[in-house]
Each structure stands twice: as C-alpha cells, then as structure tokens.
Amino acid sequence: MEKNWSVLWLETNSSLLVNAFKNPSSGPWSLFNCWKNCISLTNSFSFRISHIYREANACADSLASFVAHNLGFIWWDSPP
C-alpha cells in the first residue's frame, strides 16, 4: 500500500456504506468489480468501519463543508 498502513479504522456518517462493507454482495452495484477489489484490499490488513453521526464528528462535519464548496483532490496527512 502506498501509505504503508497496516491498521485502518474508517468512521463514516453513511450507514449505507457501513452495510455495504459488512455485506459486500448486497445491493445492485454497477461497479461490482471495483467494489470487490476494495473489499479485497481491506481484507489484507486490520480494517474496521463504524457509523458516526455527522454532527458528532467535528472533523467530518468540517471536511463535508469544505468538499461542498471546493472541487478537486486534496490529501491531508492530518486533519485540517
């Protein structure tokens, strides 16, 4: 992996995404092969996903506001 991560915990405000990771074959996926590759990648290291309400996560709330007003790709190594 590019960042050499061995452990990743993803918190998301999308319960649909959490359910998709817990049951990868559910739902009509138009990009099913890409999704299978993503699942395979997360199986190669310690991965956990959990749901958090957006309002309870100040970082996620700030990032969502930022994305809503900006276009393009930005990578932060720490929360902005």
Protein backbone atom coordinates (compact mmCIF):
# COMPACT_ATOMS: atom_id res chain seq x y z
CA MET A 1 0.00 0.00 0.00
CA GLU A 2 1.15 3.49 -0.78
CA LYS A 3 0.90 4.78 2.81
CA ASN A 4 2.16 1.53 4.38
CA TRP A 5 -0.90 1.27 6.59
CA SER A 6 -1.46 -1.95 8.49
CA VAL A 7 -4.43 -0.74 10.55
CA LEU A 8 -7.30 1.46 9.36
CA TRP A 9 -10.48 2.48 11.17
CA LEU A 10 -12.95 4.29 8.94
CA GLU A 11 -15.69 6.33 10.58
CA THR A 12 -18.45 7.42 8.24
CA ASN A 13 -21.80 9.11 8.52
CA SER A 14 -23.13 6.80 5.80
CA SER A 15 -24.94 3.79 7.23
CA LEU A 16 -25.32 2.55 3.64
CA LEU A 17 -21.52 2.36 3.32
CA VAL A 18 -21.18 0.52 6.64
CA ASN A 19 -23.78 -2.02 5.48
CA ALA A 20 -22.03 -2.40 2.12
CA PHE A 21 -18.76 -3.30 3.85
CA LYS A 22 -20.50 -5.75 6.18
CA ASN A 23 -22.35 -7.45 3.31
CA PRO A 24 -20.37 -6.77 0.09
CA SER A 25 -22.72 -8.74 -2.16
CA SER A 26 -25.81 -6.74 -1.20
CA GLY A 27 -27.31 -4.10 -3.40
CA PRO A 28 -27.22 -3.51 -7.15
CA TRP A 29 -23.61 -2.38 -7.68
CA SER A 30 -22.82 -1.01 -11.12
CA LEU A 31 -19.11 -1.09 -10.23
CA PHE A 32 -19.12 -4.50 -8.60
CA ASN A 33 -15.59 -5.47 -9.73
CA CYS A 34 -14.11 -2.26 -8.31
CA TRP A 35 -16.03 -2.88 -5.08
CA LYS A 36 -14.67 -6.44 -4.85
CA ASN A 37 -11.14 -5.05 -5.25
CA CYS A 38 -11.77 -2.56 -2.44
CA ILE A 39 -13.07 -5.32 -0.16
CA SER A 40 -10.06 -7.47 -1.03
CA LEU A 41 -7.71 -4.62 -0.14
CA THR A 42 -9.37 -4.07 3.24
CA ASN A 43 -9.04 -7.79 3.96
CA SER A 44 -5.26 -7.52 3.55
CA PHE A 45 -4.83 -5.50 6.77
CA SER A 46 -6.64 -4.75 10.00
CA PHE A 47 -9.72 -2.78 8.90
CA ARG A 48 -12.72 -1.58 10.85
CA ILE A 49 -15.63 0.59 9.77
CA SER A 50 -18.17 2.25 12.03
CA HIS A 51 -21.05 4.69 11.77
CA ILE A 52 -20.92 8.09 13.43
CA TYR A 53 -23.46 10.85 13.16
CA ARG A 54 -22.05 13.76 11.17
CA GLU A 55 -22.94 16.30 13.84
CA ALA A 56 -21.00 14.30 16.44
CA ASN A 57 -17.78 14.40 14.41
CA ALA A 58 -16.43 17.94 14.08
CA CYS A 59 -13.68 16.83 11.67
CA ALA A 60 -16.11 15.06 9.32
CA ASP A 61 -18.50 17.99 9.51
CA SER A 62 -15.73 20.44 8.56
CA LEU A 63 -14.49 18.23 5.73
CA ALA A 64 -18.01 17.80 4.34
CA SER A 65 -18.47 21.57 4.35
CA PHE A 66 -15.09 22.01 2.63
CA VAL A 67 -15.93 19.49 -0.09
CA ALA A 68 -19.31 21.10 -0.69
CA HIS A 69 -17.56 24.37 -1.60
CA ASN A 70 -14.42 23.10 -3.40
CA LEU A 71 -13.64 20.89 -6.35
CA GLY A 72 -10.55 18.78 -6.87
CA PHE A 73 -8.50 16.23 -4.99
CA ILE A 74 -6.72 17.08 -1.74
CA TRP A 75 -4.83 14.69 0.56
CA TRP A 76 -4.21 15.62 4.19
CA ASP A 77 -1.83 13.60 6.38
CA SER A 78 -3.57 15.06 9.43
CA PRO A 79 -6.99 16.65 9.92
CA PRO A 80 -7.14 20.22 8.65
